[in-house]
Amino acid sequence: MRPCRRRYERVTHHEQKVRRMSKRDEYIEKVKAQLDETSAQITSLLDKSKAQVEDVADQIQQGLTTAAEKMQSAQDQAKAKFDEASKAGADTWESVSDQLDEALSTCSTAIAEFGTTLTDAIQAGQKSVSDAVASVTSDSSDTADDSSSEASSEESSEESSEDSPGESSGQ
């Protein structure tokens, strides 16, 4: 009877070893799948954030271009009035100088508006980036929550099936 028992013990030991290898392989596959999913999420989030940053940069650039054109136009008008004033005769220079002063004032206003436009564009860009970050992080946390709940569900079902009395080889 002893030889049979030893043979039985060897088989049991072998089965345990196979089961451990199987668990290891299952675990490795599960982790590999999670890493692949994480990699895909990272790529997706980076692509989304890059696109959103490019949109914000385009909006800022458009606002600054418009403000710069307005500022340049005001400067060109001031230069034209300056040329006119420098060529004006003694009797007309006073009326031209008033126009030149007005053109210089318009140029100063355009410069101040450019500063305001720049500040507003930067603040709008920061808000857009903050909103984009919030959107991206909420997307990634939702996906991560889904993945972790699936993983914990799988683990608990595996544990419960291992603990069931019908599967133990010692009985």
N, C-alpha and C. Protein backbone atom coordinates (compact mmCIF):
# COMPACT_ATOMS: atom_id res chain seq x y z
N MET A 1 0.82 -1.18 0.00
CA MET A 1 0.00 0.00 0.00
C MET A 1 0.86 1.25 0.00
N ARG A 2 2.00 1.15 0.60
CA ARG A 2 2.87 2.31 0.63
C ARG A 2 3.31 2.79 -0.75
N PRO A 3 3.68 1.90 -1.67
CA PRO A 3 4.11 2.38 -2.98
C PRO A 3 3.01 3.18 -3.67
N CYS A 4 1.77 2.76 -3.54
CA CYS A 4 0.68 3.51 -4.15
C CYS A 4 0.58 4.89 -3.53
N ARG A 5 0.74 4.93 -2.23
CA ARG A 5 0.62 6.22 -1.55
C ARG A 5 1.72 7.16 -2.03
N ARG A 6 2.94 6.66 -2.17
CA ARG A 6 4.03 7.50 -2.66
C ARG A 6 3.73 7.99 -4.08
N ARG A 7 3.26 7.05 -4.88
CA ARG A 7 2.92 7.45 -6.24
C ARG A 7 1.84 8.52 -6.22
N TYR A 8 0.87 8.36 -5.37
CA TYR A 8 -0.21 9.33 -5.23
C TYR A 8 0.36 10.68 -4.79
N GLU A 9 1.30 10.65 -3.84
CA GLU A 9 1.91 11.89 -3.36
C GLU A 9 2.71 12.55 -4.47
N ARG A 10 3.42 11.77 -5.27
CA ARG A 10 4.18 12.35 -6.37
C ARG A 10 3.26 13.01 -7.38
N VAL A 11 2.20 12.37 -7.70
CA VAL A 11 1.23 12.94 -8.64
C VAL A 11 0.66 14.22 -8.06
N THR A 12 0.32 14.20 -6.81
CA THR A 12 -0.23 15.38 -6.15
C THR A 12 0.80 16.51 -6.18
N HIS A 13 2.03 16.16 -5.88
CA HIS A 13 3.08 17.17 -5.91
C HIS A 13 3.23 17.73 -7.33
N HIS A 14 3.19 16.84 -8.31
CA HIS A 14 3.30 17.27 -9.71
C HIS A 14 2.11 18.16 -10.10
N GLU A 15 0.92 17.75 -9.69
CA GLU A 15 -0.27 18.55 -9.98
C GLU A 15 -0.16 19.93 -9.34
N GLN A 16 0.35 19.98 -8.11
CA GLN A 16 0.52 21.26 -7.44
C GLN A 16 1.52 22.14 -8.20
N LYS A 17 2.58 21.52 -8.67
CA LYS A 17 3.59 22.25 -9.41
C LYS A 17 2.98 22.80 -10.71
N VAL A 18 2.20 21.98 -11.41
CA VAL A 18 1.54 22.42 -12.64
C VAL A 18 0.57 23.55 -12.35
N ARG A 19 -0.19 23.39 -11.26
CA ARG A 19 -1.15 24.42 -10.88
C ARG A 19 -0.43 25.73 -10.59
N ARG A 20 0.71 25.67 -9.86
CA ARG A 20 1.47 26.88 -9.57
C ARG A 20 1.98 27.52 -10.86
N MET A 21 2.46 26.71 -11.79
CA MET A 21 2.94 27.24 -13.07
C MET A 21 1.77 27.87 -13.82
N SER A 22 0.63 27.23 -13.78
CA SER A 22 -0.54 27.74 -14.47
C SER A 22 -0.95 29.09 -13.87
N LYS A 23 -0.96 29.19 -12.54
CA LYS A 23 -1.29 30.46 -11.88
C LYS A 23 -0.29 31.54 -12.27
N ARG A 24 0.99 31.15 -12.30
CA ARG A 24 2.04 32.10 -12.67
C ARG A 24 1.81 32.60 -14.09
N ASP A 25 1.55 31.66 -15.01
CA ASP A 25 1.32 32.03 -16.40
C ASP A 25 0.09 32.93 -16.54
N GLU A 26 -0.98 32.59 -15.83
CA GLU A 26 -2.19 33.41 -15.86
C GLU A 26 -1.90 34.81 -15.34
N TYR A 27 -1.15 34.87 -14.25
CA TYR A 27 -0.80 36.16 -13.66
C TYR A 27 0.04 36.99 -14.64
N ILE A 28 1.01 36.36 -15.27
CA ILE A 28 1.87 37.07 -16.22
C ILE A 28 1.03 37.60 -17.39
N GLU A 29 0.13 36.80 -17.90
CA GLU A 29 -0.74 37.23 -19.00
C GLU A 29 -1.62 38.39 -18.57
N LYS A 30 -2.17 38.30 -17.36
CA LYS A 30 -3.05 39.37 -16.87
C LYS A 30 -2.28 40.68 -16.73
N VAL A 31 -1.09 40.62 -16.16
CA VAL A 31 -0.29 41.82 -15.99
C VAL A 31 0.14 42.38 -17.34
N LYS A 32 0.50 41.50 -18.27
CA LYS A 32 0.89 41.95 -19.60
C LYS A 32 -0.27 42.68 -20.28
N ALA A 33 -1.48 42.15 -20.14
CA ALA A 33 -2.66 42.80 -20.72
C ALA A 33 -2.89 44.17 -20.08
N GLN A 34 -2.70 44.26 -18.77
CA GLN A 34 -2.87 45.53 -18.09
C GLN A 34 -1.82 46.54 -18.55
N LEU A 35 -0.59 46.09 -18.73
CA LEU A 35 0.47 46.98 -19.21
C LEU A 35 0.19 47.44 -20.63
N ASP A 36 -0.31 46.56 -21.46
CA ASP A 36 -0.66 46.94 -22.83
C ASP A 36 -1.79 47.97 -22.83
N GLU A 37 -2.77 47.75 -21.97
CA GLU A 37 -3.88 48.70 -21.86
C GLU A 37 -3.40 50.05 -21.35
N THR A 38 -2.52 50.03 -20.36
CA THR A 38 -1.96 51.27 -19.82
C THR A 38 -1.18 52.02 -20.90
N SER A 39 -0.42 51.30 -21.67
CA SER A 39 0.34 51.91 -22.76
C SER A 39 -0.59 52.58 -23.77
N ALA A 40 -1.66 51.91 -24.11
CA ALA A 40 -2.63 52.48 -25.05
C ALA A 40 -3.29 53.72 -24.46
N GLN A 41 -3.61 53.68 -23.17
CA GLN A 41 -4.21 54.84 -22.51
C GLN A 41 -3.26 56.03 -22.54
N ILE A 42 -2.00 55.79 -22.24
CA ILE A 42 -1.00 56.86 -22.21
C ILE A 42 -0.88 57.48 -23.60
N THR A 43 -0.79 56.66 -24.61
CA THR A 43 -0.69 57.17 -25.98
C THR A 43 -1.90 58.01 -26.34
N SER A 44 -3.08 57.51 -26.00
CA SER A 44 -4.31 58.24 -26.28
C SER A 44 -4.35 59.58 -25.56
N LEU A 45 -3.99 59.57 -24.28
CA LEU A 45 -4.02 60.80 -23.50
C LEU A 45 -3.00 61.82 -24.01
N LEU A 46 -1.83 61.35 -24.39
CA LEU A 46 -0.82 62.26 -24.93
C LEU A 46 -1.28 62.86 -26.25
N ASP A 47 -1.92 62.05 -27.10
CA ASP A 47 -2.43 62.57 -28.36
C ASP A 47 -3.52 63.62 -28.13
N LYS A 48 -4.45 63.32 -27.21
CA LYS A 48 -5.52 64.27 -26.90
C LYS A 48 -4.95 65.57 -26.35
N SER A 49 -4.02 65.47 -25.40
CA SER A 49 -3.47 66.68 -24.78
C SER A 49 -2.66 67.49 -25.79
N LYS A 50 -1.95 66.82 -26.68
CA LYS A 50 -1.17 67.53 -27.71
C LYS A 50 -2.12 68.31 -28.62
N ALA A 51 -3.21 67.69 -29.03
CA ALA A 51 -4.19 68.36 -29.89
C ALA A 51 -4.82 69.56 -29.19
N GLN A 52 -5.13 69.40 -27.91
CA GLN A 52 -5.74 70.51 -27.17
C GLN A 52 -4.76 71.65 -26.99
N VAL A 53 -3.51 71.36 -26.72
CA VAL A 53 -2.50 72.41 -26.58
C VAL A 53 -2.31 73.13 -27.91
N GLU A 54 -2.31 72.39 -29.02
CA GLU A 54 -2.18 73.02 -30.32
C GLU A 54 -3.36 73.94 -30.61
N ASP A 55 -4.58 73.53 -30.24
CA ASP A 55 -5.76 74.38 -30.42
C ASP A 55 -5.62 75.68 -29.62
N VAL A 56 -5.19 75.55 -28.38
CA VAL A 56 -5.02 76.73 -27.53
C VAL A 56 -3.95 77.65 -28.12
N ALA A 57 -2.85 77.08 -28.58
CA ALA A 57 -1.78 77.88 -29.17
C ALA A 57 -2.28 78.61 -30.42
N ASP A 58 -3.09 77.94 -31.23
CA ASP A 58 -3.66 78.58 -32.43
C ASP A 58 -4.55 79.76 -32.05
N GLN A 59 -5.39 79.57 -31.03
CA GLN A 59 -6.27 80.65 -30.59
C GLN A 59 -5.47 81.85 -30.08
N ILE A 60 -4.44 81.57 -29.30
CA ILE A 60 -3.60 82.65 -28.78
C ILE A 60 -2.91 83.37 -29.94
N GLN A 61 -2.37 82.61 -30.88
CA GLN A 61 -1.67 83.20 -32.02
C GLN A 61 -2.60 84.08 -32.84
N GLN A 62 -3.82 83.64 -33.07
CA GLN A 62 -4.78 84.43 -33.85
C GLN A 62 -5.09 85.75 -33.15
N GLY A 63 -5.32 85.69 -31.84
CA GLY A 63 -5.60 86.92 -31.08
C GLY A 63 -4.42 87.87 -31.10
N LEU A 64 -3.23 87.34 -30.96
CA LEU A 64 -2.03 88.19 -30.96
C LEU A 64 -1.76 88.77 -32.35
N THR A 65 -2.02 88.00 -33.39
CA THR A 65 -1.82 88.49 -34.75
C THR A 65 -2.75 89.67 -35.04
N THR A 66 -4.00 89.53 -34.64
CA THR A 66 -4.96 90.62 -34.84
C THR A 66 -4.54 91.87 -34.08
N ALA A 67 -4.15 91.70 -32.83
CA ALA A 67 -3.72 92.85 -32.02
C ALA A 67 -2.44 93.46 -32.58
N ALA A 68 -1.52 92.65 -33.06
CA ALA A 68 -0.27 93.15 -33.64
C ALA A 68 -0.54 93.94 -34.93
N GLU A 69 -1.48 93.44 -35.74
CA GLU A 69 -1.84 94.16 -36.97
C GLU A 69 -2.44 95.52 -36.64
N LYS A 70 -3.27 95.57 -35.63
CA LYS A 70 -3.88 96.84 -35.21
C LYS A 70 -2.81 97.80 -34.71
N MET A 71 -1.87 97.28 -33.94
CA MET A 71 -0.78 98.10 -33.41
C MET A 71 0.09 98.63 -34.56
N GLN A 72 0.41 97.76 -35.51
CA GLN A 72 1.24 98.16 -36.66
C GLN A 72 0.54 99.22 -37.51
N SER A 73 -0.77 99.04 -37.71
CA SER A 73 -1.55 100.01 -38.47
C SER A 73 -1.53 101.38 -37.79
N ALA A 74 -1.69 101.39 -36.48
CA ALA A 74 -1.66 102.65 -35.74
C ALA A 74 -0.28 103.31 -35.86
N GLN A 75 0.76 102.51 -35.81
CA GLN A 75 2.11 103.07 -35.96
C GLN A 75 2.31 103.64 -37.37
N ASP A 76 1.83 102.93 -38.38
CA ASP A 76 1.95 103.40 -39.76
C ASP A 76 1.22 104.74 -39.94
N GLN A 77 0.04 104.87 -39.34
CA GLN A 77 -0.71 106.13 -39.42
C GLN A 77 0.05 107.25 -38.71
N ALA A 78 0.66 106.93 -37.56
CA ALA A 78 1.44 107.94 -36.84
C ALA A 78 2.66 108.37 -37.67
N LYS A 79 3.32 107.43 -38.33
CA LYS A 79 4.46 107.77 -39.19
C LYS A 79 4.02 108.66 -40.35
N ALA A 80 2.87 108.35 -40.94
CA ALA A 80 2.36 109.16 -42.05
C ALA A 80 2.06 110.58 -41.58
N LYS A 81 1.48 110.71 -40.42
CA LYS A 81 1.18 112.05 -39.87
C LYS A 81 2.48 112.78 -39.53
N PHE A 82 3.48 112.04 -39.07
CA PHE A 82 4.78 112.66 -38.78
C PHE A 82 5.40 113.20 -40.06
N ASP A 83 5.38 112.41 -41.13
CA ASP A 83 5.91 112.87 -42.41
C ASP A 83 5.17 114.11 -42.89
N GLU A 84 3.87 114.09 -42.73
CA GLU A 84 3.04 115.22 -43.13
C GLU A 84 3.38 116.45 -42.29
N ALA A 85 3.57 116.26 -40.98
CA ALA A 85 3.90 117.39 -40.10
C ALA A 85 5.28 117.95 -40.41
N SER A 86 6.23 117.07 -40.72
CA SER A 86 7.59 117.55 -41.00
C SER A 86 7.66 118.31 -42.33
N LYS A 87 6.75 118.04 -43.24
CA LYS A 87 6.72 118.73 -44.53
C LYS A 87 5.78 119.93 -44.52
N ALA A 88 5.02 120.09 -43.45
CA ALA A 88 4.02 121.15 -43.40
C ALA A 88 4.71 122.51 -43.29
N GLY A 89 4.03 123.47 -43.81
CA GLY A 89 4.55 124.82 -43.73
C GLY A 89 4.26 125.44 -42.37
N ALA A 90 4.76 126.65 -42.17
CA ALA A 90 4.61 127.34 -40.89
C ALA A 90 3.15 127.60 -40.55
N ASP A 91 2.32 127.78 -41.54
CA ASP A 91 0.91 128.09 -41.28
C ASP A 91 0.04 126.84 -41.05
N THR A 92 0.45 125.64 -41.50
CA THR A 92 -0.39 124.43 -41.36
C THR A 92 0.16 123.40 -40.38
N TRP A 93 1.33 123.61 -39.86
CA TRP A 93 1.94 122.58 -39.01
C TRP A 93 1.15 122.35 -37.73
N GLU A 94 0.47 123.40 -37.19
CA GLU A 94 -0.28 123.24 -35.93
C GLU A 94 -1.45 122.27 -36.11
N SER A 95 -2.19 122.35 -37.21
CA SER A 95 -3.32 121.44 -37.43
C SER A 95 -2.81 120.01 -37.67
N VAL A 96 -1.68 119.89 -38.36
CA VAL A 96 -1.11 118.57 -38.61
C VAL A 96 -0.54 117.99 -37.32
N SER A 97 0.02 118.86 -36.46
CA SER A 97 0.58 118.35 -35.19
C SER A 97 -0.53 117.81 -34.29
N ASP A 98 -1.71 118.41 -34.33
CA ASP A 98 -2.84 117.87 -33.55
C ASP A 98 -3.22 116.47 -34.06
N GLN A 99 -3.20 116.32 -35.37
CA GLN A 99 -3.50 115.01 -35.97
C GLN A 99 -2.41 113.99 -35.61
N LEU A 100 -1.15 114.47 -35.59
CA LEU A 100 -0.04 113.60 -35.21
C LEU A 100 -0.17 113.17 -33.75
N ASP A 101 -0.53 114.10 -32.87
CA ASP A 101 -0.72 113.76 -31.46
C ASP A 101 -1.83 112.71 -31.29
N GLU A 102 -2.89 112.88 -32.07
CA GLU A 102 -4.00 111.92 -32.02
C GLU A 102 -3.54 110.55 -32.53
N ALA A 103 -2.74 110.54 -33.60
CA ALA A 103 -2.24 109.27 -34.15
C ALA A 103 -1.30 108.59 -33.15
N LEU A 104 -0.46 109.37 -32.46
CA LEU A 104 0.44 108.80 -31.44
C LEU A 104 -0.36 108.24 -30.26
N SER A 105 -1.44 108.95 -29.91
CA SER A 105 -2.32 108.46 -28.83
C SER A 105 -2.98 107.13 -29.23
N THR A 106 -3.42 107.06 -30.49
CA THR A 106 -4.01 105.82 -31.00
C THR A 106 -2.98 104.70 -30.99
N CYS A 107 -1.74 105.02 -31.33
CA CYS A 107 -0.67 104.02 -31.32
C CYS A 107 -0.42 103.53 -29.89
N SER A 108 -0.37 104.45 -28.93
CA SER A 108 -0.18 104.07 -27.51
C SER A 108 -1.32 103.19 -27.02
N THR A 109 -2.54 103.55 -27.44
CA THR A 109 -3.71 102.75 -27.05
C THR A 109 -3.61 101.34 -27.65
N ALA A 110 -3.19 101.25 -28.90
CA ALA A 110 -3.04 99.94 -29.55
C ALA A 110 -1.98 99.10 -28.84
N ILE A 111 -0.90 99.74 -28.40
CA ILE A 111 0.14 99.02 -27.66
C ILE A 111 -0.42 98.51 -26.33
N ALA A 112 -1.18 99.34 -25.62
CA ALA A 112 -1.78 98.92 -24.36
C ALA A 112 -2.78 97.78 -24.59
N GLU A 113 -3.56 97.90 -25.68
CA GLU A 113 -4.53 96.84 -26.00
C GLU A 113 -3.81 95.54 -26.34
N PHE A 114 -2.65 95.64 -26.98
CA PHE A 114 -1.87 94.44 -27.29
C PHE A 114 -1.48 93.75 -25.99
N GLY A 115 -1.02 94.52 -25.01
CA GLY A 115 -0.66 93.95 -23.70
C GLY A 115 -1.85 93.27 -23.04
N THR A 116 -3.00 93.94 -23.12
CA THR A 116 -4.22 93.35 -22.55
C THR A 116 -4.62 92.09 -23.30
N THR A 117 -4.54 92.14 -24.63
CA THR A 117 -4.87 90.97 -25.45
C THR A 117 -3.94 89.82 -25.12
N LEU A 118 -2.65 90.13 -24.96
CA LEU A 118 -1.68 89.10 -24.62
C LEU A 118 -2.01 88.47 -23.26
N THR A 119 -2.29 89.32 -22.27
CA THR A 119 -2.64 88.82 -20.94
C THR A 119 -3.91 87.97 -20.99
N ASP A 120 -4.93 88.47 -21.69
CA ASP A 120 -6.19 87.73 -21.81
C ASP A 120 -5.99 86.40 -22.53
N ALA A 121 -5.18 86.42 -23.58
CA ALA A 121 -4.93 85.19 -24.35
C ALA A 121 -4.20 84.16 -23.48
N ILE A 122 -3.24 84.64 -22.71
CA ILE A 122 -2.50 83.72 -21.84
C ILE A 122 -3.43 83.13 -20.78
N GLN A 123 -4.28 83.98 -20.17
CA GLN A 123 -5.22 83.48 -19.17
C GLN A 123 -6.22 82.51 -19.78
N ALA A 124 -6.73 82.83 -20.97
CA ALA A 124 -7.67 81.92 -21.65
C ALA A 124 -6.97 80.61 -21.98
N GLY A 125 -5.71 80.71 -22.41
CA GLY A 125 -4.94 79.50 -22.71
C GLY A 125 -4.72 78.65 -21.48
N GLN A 126 -4.41 79.32 -20.36
CA GLN A 126 -4.22 78.58 -19.11
C GLN A 126 -5.50 77.88 -18.69
N LYS A 127 -6.64 78.58 -18.83
CA LYS A 127 -7.92 77.97 -18.48
C LYS A 127 -8.22 76.79 -19.40
N SER A 128 -7.95 76.97 -20.69
CA SER A 128 -8.19 75.88 -21.64
C SER A 128 -7.31 74.68 -21.32
N VAL A 129 -6.05 74.95 -20.99
CA VAL A 129 -5.15 73.85 -20.64
C VAL A 129 -5.61 73.18 -19.35
N SER A 130 -6.04 73.98 -18.37
CA SER A 130 -6.55 73.39 -17.11
C SER A 130 -7.77 72.52 -17.38
N ASP A 131 -8.67 73.02 -18.22
CA ASP A 131 -9.86 72.24 -18.57
C ASP A 131 -9.47 70.96 -19.30
N ALA A 132 -8.49 71.08 -20.20
CA ALA A 132 -8.03 69.91 -20.94
C ALA A 132 -7.41 68.89 -20.00
N VAL A 133 -6.60 69.37 -19.06
CA VAL A 133 -5.98 68.47 -18.09
C VAL A 133 -7.05 67.77 -17.25
N ALA A 134 -8.04 68.54 -16.81
CA ALA A 134 -9.12 67.94 -16.03
C ALA A 134 -9.87 66.89 -16.85
N SER A 135 -10.11 67.19 -18.11
CA SER A 135 -10.80 66.24 -18.98
C SER A 135 -9.98 64.98 -19.18
N VAL A 136 -8.69 65.18 -19.45
CA VAL A 136 -7.81 64.04 -19.71
C VAL A 136 -7.65 63.19 -18.45
N THR A 137 -7.46 63.83 -17.30
CA THR A 137 -7.27 63.06 -16.08
C THR A 137 -8.55 62.36 -15.66
N SER A 138 -9.71 62.98 -15.90
CA SER A 138 -10.96 62.28 -15.56
C SER A 138 -11.17 61.09 -16.49
N ASP A 139 -10.80 61.25 -17.77
CA ASP A 139 -10.89 60.12 -18.71
C ASP A 139 -10.00 58.98 -18.26
N SER A 140 -8.77 59.31 -17.85
CA SER A 140 -7.83 58.25 -17.47
C SER A 140 -8.22 57.61 -16.15
N SER A 141 -8.76 58.40 -15.20
CA SER A 141 -9.15 57.79 -13.93
C SER A 141 -10.38 56.91 -14.09
N ASP A 142 -11.29 57.31 -14.98
CA ASP A 142 -12.45 56.46 -15.25
C ASP A 142 -12.01 55.13 -15.83
N THR A 143 -11.08 55.17 -16.77
CA THR A 143 -10.58 53.94 -17.39
C THR A 143 -9.80 53.11 -16.39
N ALA A 144 -9.00 53.78 -15.55
CA ALA A 144 -8.22 53.06 -14.55
C ALA A 144 -9.14 52.41 -13.52
N ASP A 145 -10.20 53.12 -13.12
CA ASP A 145 -11.15 52.54 -12.17
C ASP A 145 -11.81 51.31 -12.76
N ASP A 146 -12.19 51.38 -14.04
CA ASP A 146 -12.80 50.23 -14.71
C ASP A 146 -11.84 49.05 -14.73
N SER A 147 -10.58 49.31 -15.05
CA SER A 147 -9.58 48.24 -15.14
C SER A 147 -9.33 47.61 -13.78
N SER A 148 -9.20 48.43 -12.74
CA SER A 148 -8.91 47.88 -11.41
C SER A 148 -10.10 47.11 -10.86
N SER A 149 -11.32 47.55 -11.15
CA SER A 149 -12.48 46.79 -10.66
C SER A 149 -12.60 45.46 -11.39
N GLU A 150 -12.26 45.44 -12.69
CA GLU A 150 -12.28 44.18 -13.42
C GLU A 150 -11.22 43.24 -12.87
N ALA A 151 -10.03 43.77 -12.59
CA ALA A 151 -8.94 42.93 -12.09
C ALA A 151 -9.28 42.36 -10.71
N SER A 152 -9.84 43.19 -9.83
CA SER A 152 -10.17 42.68 -8.50
C SER A 152 -11.32 41.68 -8.57
N SER A 153 -12.23 41.87 -9.50
CA SER A 153 -13.32 40.92 -9.70
C SER A 153 -12.78 39.57 -10.16
N GLU A 154 -11.82 39.61 -11.11
CA GLU A 154 -11.23 38.37 -11.60
C GLU A 154 -10.47 37.66 -10.49
N GLU A 155 -9.72 38.43 -9.68
CA GLU A 155 -8.94 37.83 -8.60
C GLU A 155 -9.85 37.16 -7.58
N SER A 156 -10.94 37.82 -7.21
CA SER A 156 -11.82 37.24 -6.20
C SER A 156 -12.52 35.99 -6.72
N SER A 157 -12.85 35.97 -8.03
CA SER A 157 -13.48 34.76 -8.56
C SER A 157 -12.48 33.62 -8.64
N GLU A 158 -11.20 33.95 -8.93
CA GLU A 158 -10.18 32.90 -8.96
C GLU A 158 -9.96 32.33 -7.56
N GLU A 159 -9.92 33.20 -6.57
CA GLU A 159 -9.70 32.75 -5.19
C GLU A 159 -10.84 31.88 -4.72
N SER A 160 -12.06 32.27 -5.04
CA SER A 160 -13.20 31.48 -4.58
C SER A 160 -13.23 30.11 -5.26
N SER A 161 -12.80 30.03 -6.51
CA SER A 161 -12.81 28.73 -7.18
C SER A 161 -11.70 27.83 -6.65
N GLU A 162 -10.59 28.41 -6.18
CA GLU A 162 -9.50 27.62 -5.62
C GLU A 162 -9.87 27.08 -4.25
N ASP A 163 -10.67 27.83 -3.50
CA ASP A 163 -11.03 27.43 -2.15
C ASP A 163 -12.18 26.42 -2.11
N SER A 164 -12.81 26.14 -3.22
CA SER A 164 -13.96 25.24 -3.18
C SER A 164 -13.48 23.82 -2.85
N PRO A 165 -14.23 23.12 -1.99
CA PRO A 165 -13.78 21.81 -1.50
C PRO A 165 -13.74 20.74 -2.57
N GLY A 166 -14.50 20.83 -3.62
CA GLY A 166 -14.55 19.80 -4.64
C GLY A 166 -13.26 19.72 -5.44
N GLU A 167 -12.46 20.77 -5.48
CA GLU A 167 -11.28 20.80 -6.30
C GLU A 167 -10.01 20.43 -5.56
N SER A 168 -10.06 20.26 -4.27
CA SER A 168 -8.83 19.97 -3.55
C SER A 168 -8.41 18.54 -3.84
N SER A 169 -7.12 18.32 -4.11
CA SER A 169 -6.65 17.03 -4.55
C SER A 169 -6.37 16.08 -3.37
N GLY A 170 -6.42 16.59 -2.15
CA GLY A 170 -6.15 15.75 -1.00
C GLY A 170 -7.34 14.94 -0.56
N GLN A 171 -8.51 15.13 -1.15
CA GLN A 171 -9.70 14.40 -0.70
C GLN A 171 -9.93 13.15 -1.45
